[in-house]
Amino acid sequence: MSTVDETHLSIGEVLANLRDVSLQTVAICCDLERHVFNPEHTDPKVAEALRATHWYDLREWTTTGPGSR
């Protein structure tokens, strides 16, 4: 588990949707290489912002996304 700030994500589209969130304290559980996040272990505001991008919710990734293969 990391904070959004610690991951050094270059996710401008996500950051634009997180105006009221401290990136040093908010949690994100993700695989940076595969662009997959676990919404159960990620701050709800971050998870919602990630869903609007090219990132996969872990459940989607394992059922209908690249992880299902």
Protein backbone atom coordinates (compact mmCIF):
# COMPACT_ATOMS: atom_id res chain seq x y z
CA MET A 1 0.00 0.00 0.00
CA SER A 2 1.31 3.42 -0.95
CA THR A 3 0.09 6.97 -1.00
CA VAL A 4 -0.75 8.53 -4.35
CA ASP A 5 2.20 10.86 -3.91
CA GLU A 6 4.66 7.97 -3.26
CA THR A 7 3.71 6.21 -6.48
CA HIS A 8 4.80 9.21 -8.56
CA LEU A 9 1.94 8.56 -10.91
CA SER A 10 1.80 10.83 -13.91
CA ILE A 11 -1.95 10.77 -14.08
CA GLY A 12 -2.91 14.34 -14.83
CA GLU A 13 -6.47 13.40 -15.67
CA VAL A 14 -6.85 11.76 -12.25
CA LEU A 15 -5.21 14.60 -10.39
CA ALA A 16 -7.59 17.05 -12.04
CA ASN A 17 -10.46 15.20 -10.35
CA LEU A 18 -8.79 15.14 -6.91
CA ARG A 19 -8.83 18.77 -5.91
CA ASP A 20 -9.78 18.19 -2.26
CA VAL A 21 -7.46 15.24 -1.57
CA SER A 22 -4.02 15.28 0.04
CA LEU A 23 -1.82 13.17 -2.24
CA GLN A 24 0.64 12.63 0.65
CA THR A 25 -1.95 10.89 2.81
CA VAL A 26 -4.52 9.24 0.53
CA ALA A 27 -4.03 5.50 -0.08
CA ILE A 28 -3.84 3.68 -3.39
CA CYS A 29 -3.30 -0.04 -3.92
CA CYS A 30 -2.13 -0.57 -7.49
CA ASP A 31 0.10 -2.29 -10.00
CA LEU A 32 1.87 0.57 -11.73
CA GLU A 33 3.04 -1.50 -14.71
CA ARG A 34 -0.40 -2.90 -15.55
CA HIS A 35 -2.43 0.20 -14.58
CA VAL A 36 -4.61 -1.82 -12.24
CA PHE A 37 -5.94 -0.67 -8.88
CA ASN A 38 -7.74 -2.49 -6.09
CA PRO A 39 -10.78 -0.36 -5.16
CA GLU A 40 -11.22 -2.19 -1.86
CA HIS A 41 -7.83 -0.90 -0.67
CA THR A 42 -7.84 2.47 -2.43
CA ASP A 43 -9.34 5.71 -1.21
CA PRO A 44 -12.84 5.92 -2.75
CA LYS A 45 -12.20 9.35 -4.29
CA VAL A 46 -9.02 8.07 -5.97
CA ALA A 47 -10.78 4.92 -7.19
CA GLU A 48 -13.56 6.97 -8.74
CA ALA A 49 -11.06 9.26 -10.47
CA LEU A 50 -9.08 6.27 -11.79
CA ARG A 51 -12.21 4.68 -13.26
CA ALA A 52 -12.53 7.69 -15.58
CA THR A 53 -9.11 6.96 -17.10
CA HIS A 54 -7.22 4.11 -18.77
CA TRP A 55 -6.73 2.42 -15.37
CA TYR A 56 -8.52 -0.87 -14.64
CA ASP A 57 -10.44 -1.74 -11.52
CA LEU A 58 -8.92 -5.09 -10.41
CA ARG A 59 -12.30 -6.81 -10.74
CA GLU A 60 -12.67 -5.63 -14.34
CA TRP A 61 -9.06 -6.47 -15.18
CA THR A 62 -9.40 -10.07 -14.00
CA THR A 63 -12.79 -10.75 -15.63
CA THR A 64 -12.99 -8.85 -18.93
CA GLY A 65 -9.67 -7.00 -19.20
CA PRO A 66 -6.12 -8.11 -20.04
CA GLY A 67 -5.83 -10.13 -16.82
CA SER A 68 -8.59 -12.52 -17.91
CA ARG A 69 -6.37 -14.11 -20.54
